[in-house]
């Protein structure tokens, strides 16, 4: 009985990564690419970074139905996993089909940036804005919160952007007296900040935590690269 249980556990653990990586389709793989090691991070490549001489590692495709079992969070995590397995640590978004709809298809190209290229890439993200991301399941109800002490609601499948002037402050609160709040201040060269009121889980990457220094428990920092993919796919709230 013990051996059967142990065998089941081994088989289960062995199949978890395989089943996870099946969520992203590898539509092109560069067989001539010589992988030095598996990727350890996953960052969006800024459009201002010259990658004309970089080797394309692969192209991946993922589809979100915006449900509990199929959503943009799982698509991104599967991109992250598959890219790392192929030796890539960065990506550009090629196409998004069905943005703002119930079925969203995303295709990306993945590359491998050096440490210095990664550092330069991250320095190019200087958008003095706070992005608030709604729930990623279409069935979710809107989330109530306060923006500079004014009541507001963040619907699911949308995002809101709050550009900040230099020294301008923005306070976001949720949950009343026993809830949580965080205040942001604009400054020159500020890295954009993405936050969620629902809790989005992404494997830690190079971009995780950039420009973020809070941990309230009910206001969650969102990986910047993931955040940029979200605002490309979600509807912007007016």
Protein backbone atom coordinates (compact mmCIF):
# COMPACT_ATOMS: atom_id res chain seq x y z
CA UNK A 1 0.00 0.00 0.00
CA UNK A 2 2.84 2.36 0.94
CA UNK A 3 4.64 1.71 -2.36
CA UNK A 4 1.46 2.30 -4.37
CA UNK A 5 0.89 5.58 -2.56
CA UNK A 6 4.49 6.65 -3.13
CA UNK A 7 4.27 5.75 -6.82
CA UNK A 8 1.07 7.79 -7.19
CA UNK A 9 2.72 10.79 -5.53
CA UNK A 10 5.74 10.59 -7.83
CA UNK A 11 3.55 10.35 -10.92
CA UNK A 12 1.39 13.25 -9.74
CA UNK A 13 4.35 15.55 -9.10
CA UNK A 14 5.94 14.58 -12.41
CA UNK A 15 2.83 15.46 -14.39
CA UNK A 16 2.07 18.82 -12.75
CA UNK A 17 4.60 20.86 -14.81
CA UNK A 18 3.56 19.02 -17.97
CA UNK A 19 -0.12 19.74 -17.52
CA UNK A 20 0.69 23.33 -16.60
CA UNK A 21 2.74 23.99 -19.73
CA UNK A 22 -0.03 22.64 -21.98
CA UNK A 23 -2.02 25.84 -21.41
CA UNK A 24 0.27 27.70 -23.82
CA UNK A 25 0.68 26.51 -27.39
CA UNK A 26 4.17 26.64 -28.89
CA UNK A 27 3.38 27.71 -32.45
CA UNK A 28 7.02 28.20 -33.47
CA UNK A 29 10.29 26.97 -31.93
CA UNK A 30 13.72 27.99 -33.19
CA UNK A 31 15.52 24.65 -33.29
CA UNK A 32 18.83 26.35 -34.06
CA UNK A 33 18.75 28.33 -30.80
CA UNK A 34 21.38 27.01 -28.40
CA UNK A 35 19.99 27.26 -24.88
CA UNK A 36 22.65 28.04 -22.28
CA UNK A 37 20.27 27.50 -19.36
CA UNK A 38 16.58 27.74 -18.56
CA UNK A 39 15.14 31.21 -18.06
CA UNK A 40 14.72 32.51 -14.52
CA UNK A 41 12.53 35.55 -15.09
CA UNK A 42 9.98 36.87 -17.54
CA UNK A 43 9.81 40.52 -18.55
CA UNK A 44 8.09 42.57 -21.21
CA UNK A 45 10.55 44.08 -23.68
CA UNK A 46 10.08 47.83 -23.94
CA UNK A 47 9.36 49.01 -27.48
CA UNK A 48 12.31 51.40 -27.25
CA UNK A 49 14.80 48.58 -26.70
CA UNK A 50 16.51 47.54 -29.94
CA UNK A 51 16.16 43.77 -30.35
CA UNK A 52 16.79 43.65 -34.10
CA UNK A 53 19.89 41.54 -33.51
CA UNK A 54 18.35 39.28 -30.87
CA UNK A 55 17.59 35.65 -31.71
CA UNK A 56 13.91 34.72 -31.65
CA UNK A 57 13.57 31.72 -29.34
CA UNK A 58 9.92 30.85 -29.92
CA UNK A 59 6.38 32.07 -30.46
CA UNK A 60 3.66 31.17 -27.95
CA UNK A 61 -0.11 31.42 -28.04
CA UNK A 62 -2.61 31.38 -25.18
CA UNK A 63 -6.39 31.71 -24.99
CA UNK A 64 -8.43 33.06 -22.08
CA UNK A 65 -12.16 32.44 -21.63
CA UNK A 66 -12.17 34.77 -18.61
CA UNK A 67 -13.41 32.12 -16.20
CA UNK A 68 -11.97 30.54 -13.06
CA UNK A 69 -10.33 27.76 -15.06
CA UNK A 70 -9.28 29.86 -18.05
CA UNK A 71 -8.18 33.44 -17.48
CA UNK A 72 -5.42 35.89 -18.32
CA UNK A 73 -3.54 35.11 -15.12
CA UNK A 74 -3.20 31.46 -16.11
CA UNK A 75 -2.29 32.39 -19.67
CA UNK A 76 0.51 34.64 -18.44
CA UNK A 77 1.83 32.05 -16.00
CA UNK A 78 1.87 29.44 -18.75
CA UNK A 79 3.75 31.86 -21.02
CA UNK A 80 6.21 32.40 -18.17
CA UNK A 81 6.73 28.67 -17.59
CA UNK A 82 7.07 27.67 -21.24
CA UNK A 83 9.39 30.56 -22.09
CA UNK A 84 11.71 29.66 -19.21
CA UNK A 85 11.74 26.01 -20.26
CA UNK A 86 12.84 27.09 -23.74
CA UNK A 87 15.63 29.27 -22.35
CA UNK A 88 13.87 32.63 -22.78
CA UNK A 89 13.34 35.32 -20.16
CA UNK A 90 11.54 38.11 -22.01
CA UNK A 91 8.77 38.72 -24.52
CA UNK A 92 7.00 41.08 -26.86
CA UNK A 93 3.27 40.98 -27.53
CA UNK A 94 2.64 40.21 -31.20
CA UNK A 95 -1.14 40.17 -31.38
CA UNK A 96 -4.19 40.23 -29.15
CA UNK A 97 -7.40 39.01 -30.77
CA UNK A 98 -10.72 39.52 -29.01
CA UNK A 99 -9.56 42.15 -26.52
CA UNK A 100 -12.47 43.30 -24.33
CA UNK A 101 -14.48 40.16 -25.23
CA UNK A 102 -15.24 36.81 -23.56
CA UNK A 103 -12.53 35.02 -25.55
CA UNK A 104 -9.09 36.62 -25.71
CA UNK A 105 -6.27 35.12 -27.79
CA UNK A 106 -2.72 36.37 -27.23
CA UNK A 107 0.42 35.60 -29.22
CA UNK A 108 3.90 36.53 -28.01
CA UNK A 109 7.49 36.18 -29.20
CA UNK A 110 10.07 35.24 -26.57
CA UNK A 111 13.75 36.14 -26.37
CA UNK A 112 16.66 35.83 -23.99
CA UNK A 113 18.05 39.14 -22.70
CA UNK A 114 21.41 39.42 -20.99
CA UNK A 115 21.67 40.91 -17.50
CA UNK A 116 22.80 44.27 -18.90
CA UNK A 117 20.04 44.25 -21.53
CA UNK A 118 17.51 43.47 -18.81
CA UNK A 119 18.74 46.39 -16.73
CA UNK A 120 18.55 48.77 -19.69
CA UNK A 121 15.12 47.44 -20.62
CA UNK A 122 13.70 48.09 -17.15
CA UNK A 123 15.09 51.64 -17.11
CA UNK A 124 12.96 52.47 -20.15
CA UNK A 125 9.68 52.00 -18.28
CA UNK A 126 9.07 55.51 -16.93
CA UNK A 127 5.33 56.03 -16.92
CA UNK A 128 4.29 58.08 -13.90
CA UNK A 129 0.94 56.28 -13.59
CA UNK A 130 -0.90 53.97 -11.24
CA UNK A 131 -2.89 51.21 -12.95
CA UNK A 132 -5.71 49.55 -11.01
CA UNK A 133 -6.71 46.17 -12.47
CA UNK A 134 -10.16 44.61 -12.03
CA UNK A 135 -11.03 40.95 -11.52
CA UNK A 136 -10.11 38.55 -14.32
CA UNK A 137 -13.28 36.45 -14.24
CA UNK A 138 -16.22 37.90 -16.15
CA UNK A 139 -18.62 36.64 -13.46
CA UNK A 140 -16.94 38.69 -10.72
CA UNK A 141 -18.79 41.59 -9.14
CA UNK A 142 -17.25 45.03 -9.10
CA UNK A 143 -14.96 45.92 -6.21
CA UNK A 144 -15.75 48.94 -4.03
CA UNK A 145 -12.89 51.16 -2.90
CA UNK A 146 -12.03 54.77 -2.19
CA UNK A 147 -9.86 56.99 -4.33
CA UNK A 148 -8.59 59.97 -2.33
CA UNK A 149 -11.50 59.30 0.07
CA UNK A 150 -14.07 59.37 -2.76
CA UNK A 151 -16.14 56.19 -3.29
CA UNK A 152 -15.55 54.27 -6.51
CA UNK A 153 -16.21 50.84 -8.04
CA UNK A 154 -13.82 48.79 -10.16
CA UNK A 155 -15.73 46.35 -12.43
CA UNK A 156 -14.28 43.02 -13.53
CA UNK A 157 -12.38 42.82 -16.82
CA UNK A 158 -11.48 46.52 -16.87
CA UNK A 159 -8.60 48.66 -15.68
CA UNK A 160 -8.27 52.26 -14.56
CA UNK A 161 -5.26 54.51 -15.07
CA UNK A 162 -4.32 57.39 -12.78
CA UNK A 163 -1.48 59.54 -14.17
CA UNK A 164 0.42 61.41 -11.47
CA UNK A 165 2.08 64.79 -11.71
CA UNK A 166 5.35 65.37 -9.88
CA UNK A 167 4.67 65.35 -6.09
CA UNK A 168 0.98 64.58 -6.64
CA UNK A 169 -0.42 62.03 -4.18
CA UNK A 170 -2.99 59.30 -4.78
CA UNK A 171 -4.54 57.34 -1.92
CA UNK A 172 -6.36 54.06 -2.54
CA UNK A 173 -8.35 52.48 0.30
CA UNK A 174 -10.46 49.34 0.63
CA UNK A 175 -12.42 47.77 3.47
CA UNK A 176 -13.14 50.72 5.76
CA UNK A 177 -11.44 51.17 9.13
CA UNK A 178 -10.23 47.57 9.31
CA UNK A 179 -9.24 47.49 5.66
CA UNK A 180 -6.10 48.64 3.89
CA UNK A 181 -4.82 51.74 2.18
CA UNK A 182 -1.75 52.82 0.26
CA UNK A 183 -0.58 56.24 -0.91
CA UNK A 184 1.47 56.84 -4.06
CA UNK A 185 3.48 59.95 -4.90
CA UNK A 186 4.48 61.02 -8.39
CA UNK A 187 8.11 61.78 -9.17
CA UNK A 188 10.29 62.15 -12.24
CA UNK A 189 11.27 58.86 -13.88
CA UNK A 190 8.82 56.88 -11.77
CA UNK A 191 8.23 53.27 -12.77
CA UNK A 192 4.54 52.52 -13.47
CA UNK A 193 2.76 50.66 -10.70
CA UNK A 194 0.07 48.03 -11.23
CA UNK A 195 -2.18 46.92 -8.37
CA UNK A 196 -5.16 44.62 -7.91
CA UNK A 197 -7.90 44.47 -5.32
CA UNK A 198 -8.50 40.76 -6.03
CA UNK A 199 -5.08 39.18 -5.56
CA UNK A 200 -3.26 38.01 -8.69
CA UNK A 201 -0.54 35.38 -8.37
CA UNK A 202 2.40 35.42 -10.75
CA UNK A 203 5.69 33.58 -10.37
CA UNK A 204 8.33 36.07 -9.14
CA UNK A 205 10.33 37.70 -11.90
CA UNK A 206 12.91 40.40 -12.50
CA UNK A 207 10.14 42.99 -12.79
CA UNK A 208 8.25 41.91 -9.67
CA UNK A 209 8.22 44.63 -7.09
CA UNK A 210 9.74 47.32 -9.30
CA UNK A 211 8.25 50.60 -8.08
CA UNK A 212 6.25 48.76 -5.42
CA UNK A 213 6.91 48.94 -1.70
CA UNK A 214 3.66 47.98 -0.05
CA UNK A 215 2.07 44.81 1.24
CA UNK A 216 -1.32 45.57 2.73
CA UNK A 217 -2.89 42.14 2.33
CA UNK A 218 -5.93 43.45 0.48
CA UNK A 219 -4.23 45.70 -2.04
CA UNK A 220 -1.93 43.54 -4.10
CA UNK A 221 1.06 44.53 -6.25
CA UNK A 222 0.92 43.13 -9.78
CA UNK A 223 4.03 42.17 -11.75
CA UNK A 224 4.68 45.05 -14.15
CA UNK A 225 5.11 42.89 -17.26
CA UNK A 226 1.90 41.04 -16.42
CA UNK A 227 0.22 44.39 -15.85
CA UNK A 228 1.14 45.65 -19.29
CA UNK A 229 -0.28 42.50 -20.87
CA UNK A 230 -3.49 43.00 -18.90
CA UNK A 231 -4.07 46.60 -19.97
CA UNK A 232 -3.49 45.55 -23.58
CA UNK A 233 -6.28 42.98 -23.28
CA UNK A 234 -8.75 44.61 -20.88
CA UNK A 235 -11.13 47.51 -21.42
CA UNK A 236 -10.08 50.87 -20.04
CA UNK A 237 -12.63 52.37 -17.67
CA UNK A 238 -13.62 55.92 -18.53
